[in-house]
Structures are given as structure tokens and as C-alpha cells.
Amino acid sequence: MQITSNFDSGNIHVVQASNPSNIQLEIKKDNQSEFFQWFHFKLHNTDRCEHILHIINASQSAYVKGWEGYQAVASYDRQEWFRVPTTYDGEQLTITLTPEFDSVYFAYFCPYSYERHQDLIHTAQLDIDCQLDVLGQTLDGRDMSLLVVGEPSDEKKKVWITARQHPGETMAEWFMEGFIDRLLDEDDGVARSLLNKAVFYLVPNMNPDGSVRGHLRTNAAGVNLNREWQNPSLENCPEVYLVRERMLETGVDLHLDIHGDEALPFNFVSGSEGIPSYDERLKNLEDKFKQILLAITPEFQDDIGYSKDAPGEANLTVCSNWVGEQFKCLAYTVEMPFKDNELLPDYSVGWSDERSSLFGRDFLTAIHHVISDV
């Protein structure tokens, strides 16, 4: 029997793996950080008996409530991912599976590999409406890539969408894949109409280093990028610094920052009610955007989410708050579940890569309905 995480986004430490019925594992912390929760590893064993895997440090992870009602995902071909029986007893997370094939992969959520990221952005650049820009490099020397879709013009609205500041929230890049696929579809009337009115600045992966390293929440230096937007530095968080500088050059009329939430089994958005410049105009834009989403997809709801900040008390180090205040624009954090959408459950796959991608496509319609107002 072999267990390894020596691959892109892999994360696990093997404590004991001599007995298939009592495999003991630990999730490794993000580099220079106390955060951990993301896992991704391969089990190989030609003896296809029941395997019981215990993640023994689960109770010390970043978001313990995330384990309640959670089911891990597994795959034999790294293409189709399915949920597997998983329990949490307050101390350890236990995954049980009798493999049907010699090798099986396990993960916290459907992985989105760096190679797939490269395929996404380089396929997109082939479209006549899309340009691939490199803003600079990360601490590990990877490109910070920006897709610019549409012909820039002073008359057009500037729409910015950033995703995966927290690298373990892979549903965010699945969302972006669906969004980009629809935006570049020349037969899609919504996409064509939008590109007559707006230019899109898209960052499918804000944290490529953390993604490859198998981090949950931080970059190569252990920095939580979504707390660095007020005063970023090239030394600690070049990812934020580079994107922020380009935003200041282009301006922003609408911004979405795409994330995943460990605990809440719902899709929701978090607005900028607490920023100092929040006013009736921004409230009306937020309300309209949410009403459109409610009308077009049952995957979205607006009853359960994060508590709203009191007026003037928003944390301006957070991306969507900083953008909303800096540009006086509609700015949202979009959250998807690691578990399932409790309002529309799928017991086989839960919330998944495919559903995240379709959700991303839906957002194009919502943007279409508010673009003239932003």
C-alpha cells in the first residue's frame, strides 16, 4: 500500500499506513502559517478491501465546523469526482471506501490543477476578443495572469472578476472556467451584448503558488491575500500588489471576488454595506443584482450568509470592501459551498466542479441586467 501527495496541489502526511482498516493521516499546514484544511492525495493498493482513513488532526484545522456534514471527494481518473462516506467525531475525520481500482485519489474538493489553469488561459487567448497579459511574477516565480476580454474604450464599463485568493477554494476557478467559456461564446447573445458595453478583466487564479503547494488559504509566504488589499507589498503579496495596480490604471465599475465557504451549505454573496461610501445607489445595485440571480437560478439564495457590517465598519483590507470603497462601485464576495447546496442537494457529488462552472455561467446574465446601471 502506498499513499502519496507528491504532485500538484498535493497535501498529506502519512502517520501510519500498514493496515488498510486503520490508516492514520495528518493534513500539513500552509507554509509559514497555522492554516490547514485542504488535502489531496493518492492511495494505491491492489488489495481492494475496505479502507478506513483517519485524518487525526482534523480538530485542529482552520474551520472545524467545515467537517460537520462534510463528505470527501474521490476519483479514479481525476476527471469524475464523487462523494465518499465521511464522518467527524469531534477529533478526527474518517473516510471509508472499498476501492474498485488499484489507485484512487482523495481531495477536500475537486482539484483545479495548475496545468488546467494554463490550458484555460492559453485557450482563452486564442479568441479574437481576448488578450492574455502577464502582470508580473509570484514569490515562487509563477506568472500572475490577467485575461482582458473586449476592446477597451472610455465609453465601456470595466468589470473585474478575481478568483481563488484562497487556493484551497478550487470551486472558484471552476466558476471562472464556466464564466469564461460563456463570455467567449460568439453565439451567446448575452455575451455579445455585454462585450458591446463592457471590458472584462479576469484573474482566474489569484494565488498560483498556494494552489500548487497544496495550501488552504495563503500564498508561498503564508500570507492571506484577502487581508492585504489596503497596503500590499511586492515582498509579501505581489499577487495583490500587481492586480491592485492594474485596477488603479483601468478603474472598476463592477467587481466580483469568487470564494468558497467551508461551513455554510449554500451559495450566497457578501456585499459592502459597511464601507464608508455605501449609499442608496449601491444598495439599489446590490438588491437588483441579487434579485436577478434569484430569478435565474435556484442554486442561489439570499436568506443565509455572513452578517452585514455596520455602517462605516467594513474591513477595508478585504478585497471586495477595498474595491467597493476605492471605486465607489458594486463589489461582491461570491461564496460557494464545500459541502452541498442544501436547497438543491445532489447526494452523489454534492456541490461540484460542474455545478460551480454552471453557476459561473449564470453570473453573466446577472451582470447583463445591471451593466447599464453601474
Protein backbone atom coordinates (compact mmCIF):
# COMPACT_ATOMS: atom_id res chain seq x y z
CA MET A 1 0.00 0.00 0.00
CA GLN A 2 1.25 3.47 -0.94
CA ILE A 3 -0.09 6.91 -0.08
CA THR A 4 1.48 9.95 -1.72
CA SER A 5 0.78 13.65 -2.22
CA ASN A 6 3.88 14.34 -4.31
CA PHE A 7 2.05 16.13 -7.11
CA ASP A 8 0.40 19.45 -7.98
CA SER A 9 -1.75 20.64 -5.03
CA GLY A 10 -0.98 17.50 -3.05
CA ASN A 11 -1.17 17.68 0.75
CA ILE A 12 -1.00 14.87 3.29
CA HIS A 13 1.40 13.44 5.87
CA VAL A 14 1.28 9.69 6.44
CA VAL A 15 1.46 8.77 10.12
CA GLN A 16 0.66 5.08 9.72
CA ALA A 17 -0.36 3.05 6.66
CA SER A 18 0.35 -0.59 7.42
CA ASN A 19 -3.24 -1.68 7.97
CA PRO A 20 -6.00 -0.71 5.47
CA SER A 21 -8.57 -0.64 8.27
CA ASN A 22 -6.61 1.91 10.33
CA ILE A 23 -4.77 4.37 8.10
CA GLN A 24 -3.70 7.46 10.03
CA LEU A 25 -3.00 10.74 8.23
CA GLU A 26 -2.40 14.39 9.01
CA ILE A 27 -3.01 17.47 6.87
CA LYS A 28 0.08 19.67 6.56
CA LYS A 29 -0.08 23.37 7.40
CA ASP A 30 0.29 26.10 4.80
CA ASN A 31 3.92 27.23 4.63
CA GLN A 32 4.74 29.77 7.40
CA SER A 33 1.12 29.65 8.56
CA GLU A 34 -1.19 27.93 11.01
CA PHE A 35 -3.91 27.44 8.37
CA PHE A 36 -4.69 23.93 7.18
CA GLN A 37 -7.71 22.07 5.86
CA TRP A 38 -7.06 21.30 2.19
CA PHE A 39 -5.99 17.70 1.49
CA HIS A 40 -5.28 15.91 -1.78
CA PHE A 41 -3.55 12.54 -2.01
CA LYS A 42 -3.43 9.23 -3.87
CA LEU A 43 -3.95 5.78 -2.35
CA HIS A 44 -2.58 2.79 -4.27
CA ASN A 45 -3.33 -0.75 -3.13
CA THR A 46 -4.06 -3.81 -5.27
CA ASP A 47 -5.88 -5.40 -2.32
CA ARG A 48 -9.39 -4.00 -2.88
CA CYS A 49 -10.63 -4.35 0.65
CA GLU A 50 -12.32 -1.72 2.77
CA HIS A 51 -10.00 1.16 3.59
CA ILE A 52 -10.62 3.33 6.64
CA LEU A 53 -8.62 6.54 6.62
CA HIS A 54 -8.43 8.74 9.73
CA ILE A 55 -7.27 12.36 9.45
CA ILE A 56 -6.20 12.61 13.06
CA ASN A 57 -5.53 16.36 13.26
CA ALA A 58 -8.90 17.43 11.82
CA SER A 59 -10.00 19.04 15.11
CA GLN A 60 -7.06 21.49 14.93
CA SER A 61 -7.85 22.62 11.37
CA ALA A 62 -8.75 26.17 10.37
CA TYR A 63 -12.52 25.68 10.13
CA VAL A 64 -13.66 22.83 12.33
CA LYS A 65 -17.33 23.49 11.57
CA GLY A 66 -16.50 22.66 7.98
CA TRP A 67 -16.26 18.97 8.90
CA GLU A 68 -19.85 18.80 10.16
CA GLY A 69 -21.97 17.16 7.47
CA TYR A 70 -18.99 17.09 5.11
CA GLN A 71 -18.23 14.27 2.63
CA ALA A 72 -14.81 13.98 0.99
CA VAL A 73 -14.46 13.56 -2.78
CA ALA A 74 -12.67 10.75 -4.60
CA SER A 75 -11.78 9.90 -8.18
CA TYR A 76 -10.22 7.04 -10.11
CA ASP A 77 -9.43 9.04 -13.27
CA ARG A 78 -9.03 12.60 -11.85
CA GLN A 79 -11.88 13.68 -14.11
CA GLU A 80 -15.04 12.43 -12.42
CA TRP A 81 -15.21 13.11 -8.67
CA PHE A 82 -17.77 11.56 -6.34
CA ARG A 83 -18.56 11.85 -2.63
CA VAL A 84 -17.45 9.08 -0.27
CA PRO A 85 -18.70 8.15 3.23
CA THR A 86 -17.10 10.54 5.72
CA THR A 87 -17.69 11.11 9.43
CA TYR A 88 -16.34 13.52 12.02
CA ASP A 89 -16.35 12.62 15.73
CA GLY A 90 -15.03 15.90 17.08
CA GLU A 91 -11.44 14.70 16.96
CA GLN A 92 -10.73 13.04 13.64
CA LEU A 93 -12.23 12.89 10.16
CA THR A 94 -12.80 9.34 8.94
CA ILE A 95 -13.14 8.41 5.26
CA THR A 96 -14.28 4.91 4.30
CA LEU A 97 -14.04 3.38 0.83
CA THR A 98 -13.60 -0.03 -0.79
CA PRO A 99 -11.72 0.90 -3.99
CA GLU A 100 -12.89 -0.54 -7.29
CA PHE A 101 -9.50 0.03 -8.93
CA ASP A 102 -5.86 -0.08 -7.83
CA SER A 103 -5.40 3.68 -7.42
CA VAL A 104 -7.81 6.27 -6.08
CA TYR A 105 -7.41 9.99 -5.38
CA PHE A 106 -8.99 11.77 -2.42
CA ALA A 107 -9.42 15.53 -2.02
CA TYR A 108 -11.14 18.18 0.07
CA PHE A 109 -12.91 19.39 -3.09
CA CYS A 110 -12.49 18.72 -6.82
CA PRO A 111 -8.94 19.93 -7.56
CA TYR A 112 -8.21 22.51 -10.23
CA SER A 113 -4.65 21.88 -11.35
CA TYR A 114 -2.08 24.45 -12.40
CA GLU A 115 -1.86 22.67 -15.76
CA ARG A 116 -5.61 23.10 -16.24
CA HIS A 117 -5.20 26.75 -15.28
CA GLN A 118 -2.58 27.11 -18.02
CA ASP A 119 -4.89 25.40 -20.51
CA LEU A 120 -7.73 27.72 -19.51
CA ILE A 121 -5.88 31.00 -20.02
CA HIS A 122 -3.98 29.96 -23.14
CA THR A 123 -7.05 28.56 -24.85
CA ALA A 124 -8.89 31.78 -23.99
CA GLN A 125 -6.20 33.92 -25.66
CA LEU A 126 -6.99 32.25 -28.99
CA ASP A 127 -10.30 34.11 -29.06
CA ILE A 128 -10.24 37.32 -31.10
CA ASP A 129 -11.80 39.25 -28.20
CA CYS A 130 -9.31 38.06 -25.56
CA GLN A 131 -5.82 39.17 -24.63
CA LEU A 132 -3.57 37.38 -22.12
CA ASP A 133 -1.46 39.76 -20.03
CA VAL A 134 1.26 38.86 -17.53
CA LEU A 135 1.24 41.39 -14.71
CA GLY A 136 4.41 40.07 -13.06
CA GLN A 137 5.58 37.09 -11.05
CA THR A 138 4.72 35.50 -7.73
CA LEU A 139 7.19 34.71 -4.96
CA ASP A 140 7.75 31.24 -6.48
CA GLY A 141 8.26 32.77 -9.92
CA ARG A 142 4.90 31.91 -11.48
CA ASP A 143 3.04 34.31 -13.75
CA MET A 144 0.24 36.49 -12.46
CA SER A 145 -2.04 36.18 -15.46
CA LEU A 146 -4.86 38.52 -16.48
CA LEU A 147 -7.37 37.93 -19.27
CA VAL A 148 -8.70 41.10 -20.88
CA VAL A 149 -11.88 40.35 -22.84
CA GLY A 150 -13.35 43.01 -25.07
CA GLU A 151 -12.00 46.10 -26.81
CA PRO A 152 -11.02 48.72 -24.19
CA SER A 153 -12.79 52.05 -24.56
CA ASP A 154 -13.52 55.04 -22.34
CA GLU A 155 -17.22 54.54 -23.03
CA LYS A 156 -17.27 50.94 -21.83
CA LYS A 157 -17.79 49.71 -18.28
CA LYS A 158 -14.88 47.99 -16.54
CA VAL A 159 -15.80 44.65 -14.96
CA TRP A 160 -13.19 42.94 -12.76
CA ILE A 161 -13.52 39.37 -11.53
CA THR A 162 -10.88 37.83 -9.27
CA ALA A 163 -10.92 34.26 -8.03
CA ARG A 164 -9.13 31.83 -5.77
CA GLN A 165 -7.32 34.23 -3.46
CA HIS A 166 -7.60 31.27 -1.10
CA PRO A 167 -6.07 28.44 -3.15
CA GLY A 168 -7.94 25.57 -1.48
CA GLU A 169 -11.22 27.11 -2.65
CA THR A 170 -10.94 25.42 -6.04
CA MET A 171 -14.62 25.86 -6.82
CA ALA A 172 -13.71 29.49 -7.53
CA GLU A 173 -11.63 28.58 -10.59
CA TRP A 174 -14.25 26.08 -11.76
CA PHE A 175 -16.66 29.04 -11.57
CA MET A 176 -14.26 31.09 -13.70
CA GLU A 177 -13.95 28.34 -16.29
CA GLY A 178 -17.71 28.34 -16.84
CA PHE A 179 -17.86 32.15 -16.88
CA ILE A 180 -15.02 32.47 -19.41
CA ASP A 181 -16.41 29.72 -21.63
CA ARG A 182 -19.73 31.53 -21.93
CA LEU A 183 -18.23 35.00 -22.25
CA LEU A 184 -16.17 33.84 -25.25
CA ASP A 185 -19.09 32.05 -26.93
CA GLU A 186 -19.78 34.13 -30.04
CA ASP A 187 -23.22 32.52 -30.38
CA ASP A 188 -24.31 33.61 -26.91
CA GLY A 189 -26.45 36.75 -27.13
CA VAL A 190 -25.81 37.78 -23.53
CA ALA A 191 -22.04 37.60 -24.04
CA ARG A 192 -22.17 39.53 -27.32
CA SER A 193 -24.36 42.23 -25.82
CA LEU A 194 -22.08 42.58 -22.80
CA LEU A 195 -18.94 42.96 -24.90
CA ASN A 196 -20.57 45.88 -26.69
CA LYS A 197 -20.94 47.61 -23.33
CA ALA A 198 -18.08 46.40 -21.14
CA VAL A 199 -14.49 45.20 -20.93
CA PHE A 200 -13.80 42.26 -18.62
CA TYR A 201 -10.61 41.93 -16.59
CA LEU A 202 -10.41 38.36 -15.32
CA VAL A 203 -7.94 36.80 -12.88
CA PRO A 204 -8.88 33.09 -12.76
CA ASN A 205 -6.26 32.29 -10.11
CA MET A 206 -5.06 34.98 -7.70
CA ASN A 207 -2.82 32.54 -5.83
CA PRO A 208 -0.97 30.14 -8.14
CA ASP A 209 1.82 29.43 -5.61
CA GLY A 210 -0.58 28.37 -2.87
CA SER A 211 -2.52 26.30 -5.40
CA VAL A 212 0.50 24.25 -6.46
CA ARG A 213 1.81 23.95 -2.87
CA GLY A 214 -1.48 22.45 -1.64
CA HIS A 215 -2.32 25.36 0.64
CA LEU A 216 -5.75 26.10 2.00
CA ARG A 217 -5.65 29.88 2.44
CA THR A 218 -2.24 31.51 1.92
CA ASN A 219 0.46 32.24 -0.65
CA ALA A 220 4.05 30.97 -0.61
CA ALA A 221 4.94 33.28 2.30
CA GLY A 222 1.97 32.26 4.43
CA VAL A 223 0.07 35.49 3.69
CA ASN A 224 -3.74 35.56 3.50
CA LEU A 225 -4.17 37.63 0.33
CA ASN A 226 -7.70 38.64 1.23
CA ARG A 227 -6.41 40.73 4.13
CA GLU A 228 -3.80 42.67 2.16
CA TRP A 229 -5.73 44.97 -0.16
CA GLN A 230 -5.28 48.23 1.73
CA ASN A 231 -1.48 48.22 1.68
CA PRO A 232 0.04 45.28 -0.25
CA SER A 233 3.76 44.85 -0.89
CA LEU A 234 5.78 43.13 -3.59
CA GLU A 235 7.80 41.42 -0.86
CA ASN A 236 4.91 39.61 0.86
CA CYS A 237 1.99 39.56 -1.57
CA PRO A 238 2.95 40.50 -5.14
CA GLU A 239 -0.29 38.85 -6.29
CA VAL A 240 -2.44 41.55 -4.68
CA TYR A 241 0.01 44.37 -5.41
CA LEU A 242 0.11 43.63 -9.16
CA VAL A 243 -3.64 43.21 -9.61
CA ARG A 244 -4.39 46.27 -7.49
CA GLU A 245 -2.02 48.42 -9.56
CA ARG A 246 -3.75 47.40 -12.79
CA MET A 247 -7.16 48.10 -11.24
CA LEU A 248 -6.00 51.62 -10.38
CA GLU A 249 -4.95 52.08 -14.01
CA THR A 250 -8.19 50.84 -15.57
CA GLY A 251 -10.80 51.81 -12.98
CA VAL A 252 -13.55 49.44 -11.82
CA ASP A 253 -17.32 49.72 -12.32
CA LEU A 254 -18.27 46.25 -11.08
CA HIS A 255 -16.22 43.70 -9.15
CA LEU A 256 -16.78 40.10 -8.07
CA ASP A 257 -14.33 38.17 -5.89
CA ILE A 258 -15.02 34.43 -6.05
CA HIS A 259 -14.59 32.17 -2.98
CA GLY A 260 -15.76 29.02 -1.21
CA ASP A 261 -17.09 28.65 2.32
CA GLU A 262 -16.28 25.63 4.50
CA ALA A 263 -19.27 25.71 6.85
CA LEU A 264 -22.36 27.07 5.08
CA PRO A 265 -24.05 24.66 2.61
CA PHE A 266 -25.39 27.45 0.40
CA ASN A 267 -24.44 29.81 -2.41
CA PHE A 268 -24.58 33.46 -1.39
CA VAL A 269 -22.98 36.86 -1.87
CA SER A 270 -21.49 39.22 0.71
CA GLY A 271 -21.90 42.93 -0.05
CA SER A 272 -20.13 46.05 1.03
CA GLU A 273 -22.76 47.56 3.34
CA GLY A 274 -20.09 48.64 5.82
CA ILE A 275 -17.84 50.69 3.55
CA PRO A 276 -17.83 54.47 4.31
CA SER A 277 -19.20 55.44 0.88
CA TYR A 278 -22.11 52.96 0.89
CA ASP A 279 -25.24 54.80 -0.21
CA GLU A 280 -28.71 54.29 -1.69
CA ARG A 281 -27.29 53.87 -5.19
CA LEU A 282 -25.05 50.97 -4.15
CA LYS A 283 -27.86 49.43 -2.12
CA ASN A 284 -30.18 49.53 -5.14
CA LEU A 285 -27.50 47.95 -7.35
CA GLU A 286 -26.88 45.18 -4.81
CA ASP A 287 -30.60 44.49 -4.45
CA LYS A 288 -31.11 44.37 -8.22
CA PHE A 289 -28.14 42.04 -8.73
CA LYS A 290 -29.41 39.61 -6.10
CA GLN A 291 -32.97 39.68 -7.41
CA ILE A 292 -31.74 38.77 -10.88
CA LEU A 293 -29.74 35.84 -9.51
CA LEU A 294 -32.75 34.63 -7.55
CA ALA A 295 -34.83 34.77 -10.72
CA ILE A 296 -32.42 32.91 -12.98
CA THR A 297 -31.06 30.08 -10.81
CA PRO A 298 -32.38 28.01 -7.88
CA GLU A 299 -28.74 27.45 -6.89
CA PHE A 300 -28.67 30.94 -5.35
CA GLN A 301 -30.30 32.23 -2.17
CA ASP A 302 -30.12 35.41 -0.08
CA ASP A 303 -31.51 34.33 3.30
CA ILE A 304 -28.38 32.75 4.79
CA GLY A 305 -24.88 34.20 4.62
CA TYR A 306 -22.45 36.37 6.54
CA SER A 307 -23.69 39.04 8.93
CA LYS A 308 -23.64 42.52 7.40
CA ASP A 309 -21.05 45.04 8.59
CA ALA A 310 -22.32 48.04 10.50
CA PRO A 311 -22.14 51.34 8.56
CA GLY A 312 -18.56 52.51 8.23
CA GLU A 313 -17.10 49.41 9.93
CA ALA A 314 -16.15 47.26 6.93
CA ASN A 315 -12.69 45.73 6.96
CA LEU A 316 -11.02 47.59 4.08
CA THR A 317 -8.15 45.10 3.92
CA VAL A 318 -10.67 42.66 2.36
CA CYS A 319 -10.69 42.70 -1.44
CA SER A 320 -14.33 43.46 -2.27
CA ASN A 321 -14.55 46.08 0.51
CA TRP A 322 -11.42 47.87 -0.65
CA VAL A 323 -12.54 47.81 -4.29
CA GLY A 324 -16.05 48.96 -3.42
CA GLU A 325 -14.71 51.89 -1.40
CA GLN A 326 -11.86 52.85 -3.73
CA PHE A 327 -14.00 52.93 -6.88
CA LYS A 328 -17.43 53.60 -5.33
CA CYS A 329 -18.73 50.61 -7.29
CA LEU A 330 -20.83 47.48 -6.91
CA ALA A 331 -18.46 44.94 -5.33
CA TYR A 332 -19.37 41.49 -4.05
CA THR A 333 -17.68 38.49 -2.49
CA VAL A 334 -19.29 35.38 -4.00
CA GLU A 335 -19.32 32.27 -1.80
CA MET A 336 -19.96 28.63 -2.81
CA PRO A 337 -20.06 25.58 -0.50
CA PHE A 338 -17.50 22.83 0.00
CA LYS A 339 -20.36 20.52 1.03
CA ASP A 340 -23.59 20.71 -0.98
CA ASN A 341 -26.24 23.25 -1.77
CA GLU A 342 -28.76 22.32 0.91
CA LEU A 343 -31.59 23.87 -1.11
CA LEU A 344 -30.88 21.64 -4.12
CA PRO A 345 -28.89 18.64 -2.86
CA ASP A 346 -27.11 16.07 -5.01
CA TYR A 347 -26.16 13.17 -2.76
CA SER A 348 -23.73 11.66 -5.26
CA VAL A 349 -21.49 14.65 -5.97
CA GLY A 350 -22.66 17.39 -3.60
CA TRP A 351 -21.61 20.85 -4.71
CA SER A 352 -19.20 20.02 -7.52
CA ASP A 353 -16.87 21.25 -10.23
CA GLU A 354 -19.64 21.08 -12.83
CA ARG A 355 -22.15 22.92 -10.69
CA SER A 356 -19.58 25.62 -9.90
CA SER A 357 -18.94 26.06 -13.62
CA LEU A 358 -22.63 26.34 -14.42
CA PHE A 359 -23.05 28.83 -11.58
CA GLY A 360 -20.32 30.94 -13.17
CA ARG A 361 -22.23 30.96 -16.45
CA ASP A 362 -25.35 32.20 -14.63
CA PHE A 363 -23.49 35.27 -13.38
CA LEU A 364 -23.10 36.53 -16.92
CA THR A 365 -26.86 37.00 -17.08
CA ALA A 366 -26.92 38.90 -13.78
CA ILE A 367 -24.15 41.22 -14.98
CA HIS A 368 -26.05 41.76 -18.24
CA HIS A 369 -29.05 43.08 -16.33
CA VAL A 370 -27.10 45.61 -14.23
CA ILE A 371 -24.30 46.68 -16.56
CA SER A 372 -26.06 49.81 -17.76
CA ASP A 373 -26.64 50.95 -14.16
CA VAL A 374 -23.13 50.51 -12.71
